[in-house]
Each structure stands twice: as structure tokens, then as C-alpha cells.
PDB file of N, CA and C in Angstrom:
ATOM      1  N   MET A   1       0.844  -1.176   0.000  1.00  0.00           N
ATOM      2  CA  MET A   1       0.000   0.000   0.000  1.00  0.00           C
ATOM      3  C   MET A   1       0.887   1.236   0.000  1.00  0.00           C
ATOM      4  N   THR A   2       0.779   1.977  -1.057  1.00  0.00           N
ATOM      5  CA  THR A   2       1.635   3.152  -1.179  1.00  0.00           C
ATOM      6  C   THR A   2       1.127   4.339  -0.376  1.00  0.00           C
ATOM      7  N   LYS A   3      -0.076   4.260   0.148  1.00  0.00           N
ATOM      8  CA  LYS A   3      -0.601   5.401   0.904  1.00  0.00           C
ATOM      9  C   LYS A   3       0.234   5.671   2.147  1.00  0.00           C
ATOM     10  N   PHE A   4       0.881   4.649   2.683  1.00  0.00           N
ATOM     11  CA  PHE A   4       1.670   4.833   3.889  1.00  0.00           C
ATOM     12  C   PHE A   4       3.009   5.527   3.623  1.00  0.00           C
ATOM     13  N   ASN A   5       3.424   5.590   2.380  1.00  0.00           N
ATOM     14  CA  ASN A   5       4.674   6.286   2.044  1.00  0.00           C
ATOM     15  C   ASN A   5       4.587   7.780   2.338  1.00  0.00           C
ATOM     16  N   THR A   6       3.393   8.314   2.347  1.00  0.00           N
ATOM     17  CA  THR A   6       3.230   9.749   2.588  1.00  0.00           C
ATOM     18  C   THR A   6       3.050  10.066   4.069  1.00  0.00           C
ATOM     19  N   TYR A   7       2.931   9.042   4.890  1.00  0.00           N
ATOM     20  CA  TYR A   7       2.734   9.250   6.332  1.00  0.00           C
ATOM     21  C   TYR A   7       4.043   9.648   7.005  1.00  0.00           C
ATOM     22  N   THR A   8       3.940  10.472   8.025  1.00  0.00           N
ATOM     23  CA  THR A   8       5.113  10.778   8.843  1.00  0.00           C
ATOM     24  C   THR A   8       5.370   9.580   9.759  1.00  0.00           C
ATOM     25  N   ASP A   9       6.532   9.565  10.408  1.00  0.00           N
ATOM     26  CA  ASP A   9       6.835   8.469  11.327  1.00  0.00           C
ATOM     27  C   ASP A   9       5.813   8.415  12.466  1.00  0.00           C
ATOM     28  N   HIS A  10       5.402   9.579  12.912  1.00  0.00           N
ATOM     29  CA  HIS A  10       4.408   9.648  13.992  1.00  0.00           C
ATOM     30  C   HIS A  10       3.069   9.070  13.527  1.00  0.00           C
ATOM     31  N   MET A  11       2.669   9.387  12.320  1.00  0.00           N
ATOM     32  CA  MET A  11       1.417   8.860  11.783  1.00  0.00           C
ATOM     33  C   MET A  11       1.496   7.339  11.621  1.00  0.00           C
ATOM     34  N   LEU A  12       2.654   6.826  11.198  1.00  0.00           N
ATOM     35  CA  LEU A  12       2.822   5.382  11.065  1.00  0.00           C
ATOM     36  C   LEU A  12       2.683   4.697  12.419  1.00  0.00           C
ATOM     37  N   PHE A  13       3.288   5.299  13.439  1.00  0.00           N
ATOM     38  CA  PHE A  13       3.206   4.748  14.787  1.00  0.00           C
ATOM     39  C   PHE A  13       1.745   4.618  15.218  1.00  0.00           C
ATOM     40  N   TRP A  14       0.971   5.661  15.033  1.00  0.00           N
ATOM     41  CA  TRP A  14      -0.428   5.623  15.462  1.00  0.00           C
ATOM     42  C   TRP A  14      -1.281   4.736  14.575  1.00  0.00           C
ATOM     43  N   ALA A  15      -0.956   4.656  13.294  1.00  0.00           N
ATOM     44  CA  ALA A  15      -1.723   3.794  12.387  1.00  0.00           C
ATOM     45  C   ALA A  15      -1.553   2.323  12.771  1.00  0.00           C
ATOM     46  N   ILE A  16      -0.322   1.931  13.079  1.00  0.00           N
ATOM     47  CA  ILE A  16      -0.089   0.533  13.456  1.00  0.00           C
ATOM     48  C   ILE A  16      -0.748   0.229  14.804  1.00  0.00           C
ATOM     49  N   ASN A  17      -0.704   1.182  15.721  1.00  0.00           N
ATOM     50  CA  ASN A  17      -1.380   0.986  17.009  1.00  0.00           C
ATOM     51  C   ASN A  17      -2.889   0.890  16.821  1.00  0.00           C
ATOM     52  N   ASP A  18      -3.426   1.682  15.919  1.00  0.00           N
ATOM     53  CA  ASP A  18      -4.862   1.647  15.651  1.00  0.00           C
ATOM     54  C   ASP A  18      -5.267   0.300  15.057  1.00  0.00           C
ATOM     55  N   CYS A  19      -4.455  -0.219  14.144  1.00  0.00           N
ATOM     56  CA  CYS A  19      -4.748  -1.531  13.551  1.00  0.00           C
ATOM     57  C   CYS A  19      -4.755  -2.616  14.630  1.00  0.00           C
ATOM     58  N   HIS A  20      -3.754  -2.600  15.497  1.00  0.00           N
ATOM     59  CA  HIS A  20      -3.696  -3.605  16.559  1.00  0.00           C
ATOM     60  C   HIS A  20      -4.871  -3.465  17.520  1.00  0.00           C
ATOM     61  N   ALA A  21      -5.232  -2.245  17.865  1.00  0.00           N
ATOM     62  CA  ALA A  21      -6.368  -2.027  18.766  1.00  0.00           C
ATOM     63  C   ALA A  21      -7.669  -2.526  18.133  1.00  0.00           C
ATOM     64  N   THR A  22      -7.828  -2.276  16.840  1.00  0.00           N
ATOM     65  CA  THR A  22      -9.029  -2.726  16.145  1.00  0.00           C
ATOM     66  C   THR A  22      -9.091  -4.250  16.099  1.00  0.00           C
ATOM     67  N   LEU A  23      -7.948  -4.881  15.849  1.00  0.00           N
ATOM     68  CA  LEU A  23      -7.907  -6.350  15.859  1.00  0.00           C
ATOM     69  C   LEU A  23      -8.284  -6.893  17.239  1.00  0.00           C
ATOM     70  N   ARG A  24      -7.758  -6.265  18.270  1.00  0.00           N
ATOM     71  CA  ARG A  24      -8.020  -6.702  19.639  1.00  0.00           C
ATOM     72  C   ARG A  24      -9.493  -6.505  20.007  1.00  0.00           C
ATOM     73  N   GLU A  25     -10.010  -5.318  19.746  1.00  0.00           N
ATOM     74  CA  GLU A  25     -11.395  -5.002  20.123  1.00  0.00           C
ATOM     75  C   GLU A  25     -12.404  -5.832  19.336  1.00  0.00           C
ATOM     76  N   GLY A  26     -12.155  -6.005  18.053  1.00  0.00           N
ATOM     77  CA  GLY A  26     -13.095  -6.752  17.212  1.00  0.00           C
ATOM     78  C   GLY A  26     -12.913  -8.246  17.294  1.00  0.00           C
ATOM     79  N   GLU A  27     -11.836  -8.674  17.956  1.00  0.00           N
ATOM     80  CA  GLU A  27     -11.516 -10.096  18.057  1.00  0.00           C
ATOM     81  C   GLU A  27     -11.530 -10.772  16.685  1.00  0.00           C
ATOM     82  N   TYR A  28     -10.925 -10.096  15.708  1.00  0.00           N
ATOM     83  CA  TYR A  28     -10.876 -10.637  14.349  1.00  0.00           C
ATOM     84  C   TYR A  28      -9.796 -11.701  14.251  1.00  0.00           C
ATOM     85  N   SER A  29     -10.151 -12.825  13.677  1.00  0.00           N
ATOM     86  CA  SER A  29      -9.170 -13.877  13.445  1.00  0.00           C
ATOM     87  C   SER A  29      -8.382 -13.537  12.181  1.00  0.00           C
ATOM     88  N   PRO A  30      -7.202 -14.126  12.022  1.00  0.00           N
ATOM     89  CA  PRO A  30      -6.404 -13.841  10.824  1.00  0.00           C
ATOM     90  C   PRO A  30      -7.075 -14.251   9.516  1.00  0.00           C
ATOM     91  N   ASP A  31      -8.040 -15.175   9.582  1.00  0.00           N
ATOM     92  CA  ASP A  31      -8.716 -15.583   8.345  1.00  0.00           C
ATOM     93  C   ASP A  31     -10.035 -14.851   8.110  1.00  0.00           C
ATOM     94  N   HIS A  32     -10.407 -13.951   9.011  1.00  0.00           N
ATOM     95  CA  HIS A  32     -11.584 -13.094   8.803  1.00  0.00           C
ATOM     96  C   HIS A  32     -11.201 -12.040   7.759  1.00  0.00           C
ATOM     97  N   PRO A  33     -12.076 -11.704   6.811  1.00  0.00           N
ATOM     98  CA  PRO A  33     -11.721 -10.745   5.759  1.00  0.00           C
ATOM     99  C   PRO A  33     -11.199  -9.403   6.298  1.00  0.00           C
ATOM    100  N   TYR A  34     -11.844  -8.864   7.325  1.00  0.00           N
ATOM    101  CA  TYR A  34     -11.374  -7.584   7.861  1.00  0.00           C
ATOM    102  C   TYR A  34     -10.067  -7.770   8.630  1.00  0.00           C
ATOM    103  N   GLY A  35      -9.922  -8.905   9.291  1.00  0.00           N
ATOM    104  CA  GLY A  35      -8.672  -9.219   9.970  1.00  0.00           C
ATOM    105  C   GLY A  35      -7.514  -9.302   8.982  1.00  0.00           C
ATOM    106  N   ARG A  36      -7.758  -9.935   7.826  1.00  0.00           N
ATOM    107  CA  ARG A  36      -6.720 -10.001   6.776  1.00  0.00           C
ATOM    108  C   ARG A  36      -6.360  -8.616   6.279  1.00  0.00           C
ATOM    109  N   LYS A  37      -7.376  -7.760   6.115  1.00  0.00           N
ATOM    110  CA  LYS A  37      -7.118  -6.391   5.651  1.00  0.00           C
ATOM    111  C   LYS A  37      -6.247  -5.642   6.655  1.00  0.00           C
ATOM    112  N   LEU A  38      -6.570  -5.779   7.937  1.00  0.00           N
ATOM    113  CA  LEU A  38      -5.792  -5.092   8.968  1.00  0.00           C
ATOM    114  C   LEU A  38      -4.357  -5.607   9.015  1.00  0.00           C
ATOM    115  N   TRP A  39      -4.193  -6.935   8.921  1.00  0.00           N
ATOM    116  CA  TRP A  39      -2.831  -7.483   8.917  1.00  0.00           C
ATOM    117  C   TRP A  39      -2.056  -7.050   7.680  1.00  0.00           C
ATOM    118  N   ALA A  40      -2.725  -6.904   6.550  1.00  0.00           N
ATOM    119  CA  ALA A  40      -2.059  -6.412   5.340  1.00  0.00           C
ATOM    120  C   ALA A  40      -1.596  -4.971   5.549  1.00  0.00           C
ATOM    121  N   GLU A  41      -2.427  -4.165   6.213  1.00  0.00           N
ATOM    122  CA  GLU A  41      -2.028  -2.783   6.506  1.00  0.00           C
ATOM    123  C   GLU A  41      -0.856  -2.743   7.477  1.00  0.00           C
ATOM    124  N   ILE A  42      -0.881  -3.611   8.482  1.00  0.00           N
ATOM    125  CA  ILE A  42       0.238  -3.670   9.429  1.00  0.00           C
ATOM    126  C   ILE A  42       1.523  -4.037   8.688  1.00  0.00           C
ATOM    127  N   ASP A  43       1.439  -5.022   7.803  1.00  0.00           N
ATOM    128  CA  ASP A  43       2.618  -5.420   7.020  1.00  0.00           C
ATOM    129  C   ASP A  43       3.118  -4.274   6.150  1.00  0.00           C
ATOM    130  N   ALA A  44       2.199  -3.533   5.539  1.00  0.00           N
ATOM    131  CA  ALA A  44       2.588  -2.409   4.686  1.00  0.00           C
ATOM    132  C   ALA A  44       3.236  -1.296   5.508  1.00  0.00           C
ATOM    133  N   ILE A  45       2.704  -1.029   6.674  1.00  0.00           N
ATOM    134  CA  ILE A  45       3.288  -0.001   7.546  1.00  0.00           C
ATOM    135  C   ILE A  45       4.685  -0.419   7.969  1.00  0.00           C
ATOM    136  N   ARG A  46       4.826  -1.671   8.377  1.00  0.00           N
ATOM    137  CA  ARG A  46       6.149  -2.170   8.788  1.00  0.00           C
ATOM    138  C   ARG A  46       7.142  -2.111   7.643  1.00  0.00           C
ATOM    139  N   ALA A  47       6.695  -2.380   6.428  1.00  0.00           N
ATOM    140  CA  ALA A  47       7.590  -2.312   5.266  1.00  0.00           C
ATOM    141  C   ALA A  47       8.100  -0.888   5.073  1.00  0.00           C
ATOM    142  N   VAL A  48       7.220   0.089   5.223  1.00  0.00           N
ATOM    143  CA  VAL A  48       7.630   1.495   5.100  1.00  0.00           C
ATOM    144  C   VAL A  48       8.607   1.851   6.219  1.00  0.00           C
ATOM    145  N   GLN A  49       8.313   1.414   7.446  1.00  0.00           N
ATOM    146  CA  GLN A  49       9.211   1.702   8.567  1.00  0.00           C
ATOM    147  C   GLN A  49      10.588   1.085   8.345  1.00  0.00           C
ATOM    148  N   MET A  50      10.632  -0.152   7.875  1.00  0.00           N
ATOM    149  CA  MET A  50      11.911  -0.819   7.634  1.00  0.00           C
ATOM    150  C   MET A  50      12.680  -0.154   6.500  1.00  0.00           C
ATOM    151  N   ALA A  51      11.989   0.270   5.454  1.00  0.00           N
ATOM    152  CA  ALA A  51      12.660   0.953   4.342  1.00  0.00           C
ATOM    153  C   ALA A  51      13.257   2.275   4.810  1.00  0.00           C
ATOM    154  N   ARG A  52      12.520   3.001   5.633  1.00  0.00           N
ATOM    155  CA  ARG A  52      13.036   4.264   6.161  1.00  0.00           C
ATOM    156  C   ARG A  52      14.236   4.033   7.079  1.00  0.00           C
ATOM    157  N   ALA A  53      14.169   2.986   7.884  1.00  0.00           N
ATOM    158  CA  ALA A  53      15.286   2.676   8.777  1.00  0.00           C
ATOM    159  C   ALA A  53      16.527   2.294   7.971  1.00  0.00           C
ATOM    160  N   ALA A  54      16.346   1.523   6.918  1.00  0.00           N
ATOM    161  CA  ALA A  54      17.476   1.126   6.073  1.00  0.00           C
ATOM    162  C   ALA A  54      18.078   2.343   5.377  1.00  0.00           C
ATOM    163  N   LYS A  55      17.227   3.240   4.921  1.00  0.00           N
ATOM    164  CA  LYS A  55      17.704   4.457   4.252  1.00  0.00           C
ATOM    165  C   LYS A  55      18.485   5.333   5.240  1.00  0.00           C
ATOM    166  N   ALA A  56      17.976   5.465   6.453  1.00  0.00           N
ATOM    167  CA  ALA A  56      18.666   6.266   7.470  1.00  0.00           C
ATOM    168  C   ALA A  56      20.001   5.634   7.836  1.00  0.00           C
ATOM    169  N   GLN A  57      20.035   4.304   7.953  1.00  0.00           N
ATOM    170  CA  GLN A  57      21.287   3.610   8.281  1.00  0.00           C
ATOM    171  C   GLN A  57      22.306   3.795   7.167  1.00  0.00           C
ATOM    172  N   ALA A  58      21.873   3.721   5.921  1.00  0.00           N
ATOM    173  CA  ALA A  58      22.777   3.911   4.786  1.00  0.00           C
ATOM    174  C   ALA A  58      23.349   5.324   4.784  1.00  0.00           C
ATOM    175  N   ALA A  59      22.517   6.313   5.091  1.00  0.00           N
ATOM    176  CA  ALA A  59      22.981   7.699   5.149  1.00  0.00           C
ATOM    177  C   ALA A  59      23.999   7.867   6.284  1.00  0.00           C
ATOM    178  N   TYR A  60      23.728   7.245   7.420  1.00  0.00           N
ATOM    179  CA  TYR A  60      24.652   7.313   8.561  1.00  0.00           C
ATOM    180  C   TYR A  60      25.989   6.672   8.199  1.00  0.00           C
ATOM    181  N   ASP A  61      25.938   5.509   7.547  1.00  0.00           N
ATOM    182  CA  ASP A  61      27.170   4.820   7.150  1.00  0.00           C
ATOM    183  C   ASP A  61      27.983   5.648   6.164  1.00  0.00           C
ATOM    184  N   ARG A  62      27.299   6.297   5.209  1.00  0.00           N
ATOM    185  CA  ARG A  62      27.986   7.158   4.236  1.00  0.00           C
ATOM    186  C   ARG A  62      28.677   8.312   4.942  1.00  0.00           C
ATOM    187  N   LEU A  63      27.958   8.958   5.846  1.00  0.00           N
ATOM    188  CA  LEU A  63      28.511  10.084   6.589  1.00  0.00           C
ATOM    189  C   LEU A  63      29.706   9.642   7.432  1.00  0.00           C
ATOM    190  N   LYS A  64      29.608   8.504   8.064  1.00  0.00           N
ATOM    191  CA  LYS A  64      30.676   7.976   8.876  1.00  0.00           C
ATOM    192  C   LYS A  64      31.925   7.721   8.034  1.00  0.00           C
ATOM    193  N   ARG A  65      31.740   7.141   6.828  1.00  0.00           N
ATOM    194  CA  ARG A  65      32.871   6.897   5.914  1.00  0.00           C
ATOM    195  C   ARG A  65      33.518   8.207   5.492  1.00  0.00           C
ATOM    196  N   GLU A  66      32.688   9.190   5.135  1.00  0.00           N
ATOM    197  CA  GLU A  66      33.220  10.486   4.702  1.00  0.00           C
ATOM    198  C   GLU A  66      34.009  11.166   5.820  1.00  0.00           C
ATOM    199  N   LEU A  67      33.495  11.103   7.024  1.00  0.00           N
ATOM    200  CA  LEU A  67      34.196  11.729   8.147  1.00  0.00           C
ATOM    201  C   LEU A  67      35.502  11.012   8.478  1.00  0.00           C
ATOM    202  N   SER A  68      35.507   9.696   8.338  1.00  0.00           N
ATOM    203  CA  SER A  68      36.747   8.954   8.620  1.00  0.00           C
ATOM    204  C   SER A  68      37.796   9.238   7.535  1.00  0.00           C
ATOM    205  N   LYS A  69      37.364   9.473   6.290  1.00  0.00           N
ATOM    206  CA  LYS A  69      38.304   9.829   5.220  1.00  0.00           C
ATOM    207  C   LYS A  69      38.924  11.191   5.488  1.00  0.00           C
ATOM    208  N   LYS A  70      38.104  12.138   5.951  1.00  0.00           N
ATOM    209  CA  LYS A  70      38.605  13.479   6.242  1.00  0.00           C
ATOM    210  C   LYS A  70      39.548  13.479   7.430  1.00  0.00           C
ATOM    211  N   ALA A  71      39.297  12.611   8.398  1.00  0.00           N
ATOM    212  CA  ALA A  71      40.146  12.563   9.587  1.00  0.00           C
ATOM    213  C   ALA A  71      41.488  11.910   9.287  1.00  0.00           C
ATOM    214  N   ALA A  72      41.540  11.071   8.260  1.00  0.00           N
ATOM    215  CA  ALA A  72      42.791  10.346   7.939  1.00  0.00           C
ATOM    216  C   ALA A  72      43.743  11.176   7.119  1.00  0.00           C
TER     217      ALA A  72
END
């Protein structure tokens, strides 16, 4: 789901919490159609979070390499 790409980190945090709360309150099983939809949204949110974390780590590693080159 590409809609989560436009969410801020704070919005992603609350969206995933909302999905979990809805699953808990509705007692939806993983094979219930709405339960599957919620789990798909959770997976999509986590994918966006992981992609952002990987991008941030790559930027940190690049900066670290550049600074170590300048120090040498």
C-alpha cells in the first residue's frame, strides 16, 4: 500500500497501534476478511518503517565513511 509512504513516522506509529487495537477489540481472526485487511495494513506499515530505517542507516554509514576519510 503506497498510501503509507506519505505518512510521517508519527502517523505510522499511530496507524499501526490503531490496527492492533481494532484487531483486539473486534476479536478478528487472521482468516476473517477484515482481519486479513488489517494485517495487510500492518505489514505495509512495517515495510515502510523498515525501508526508512534502512535508508537512514545507509545515510549514517555514508557520513561515517566520509568523516573517517577526512580525519585520515
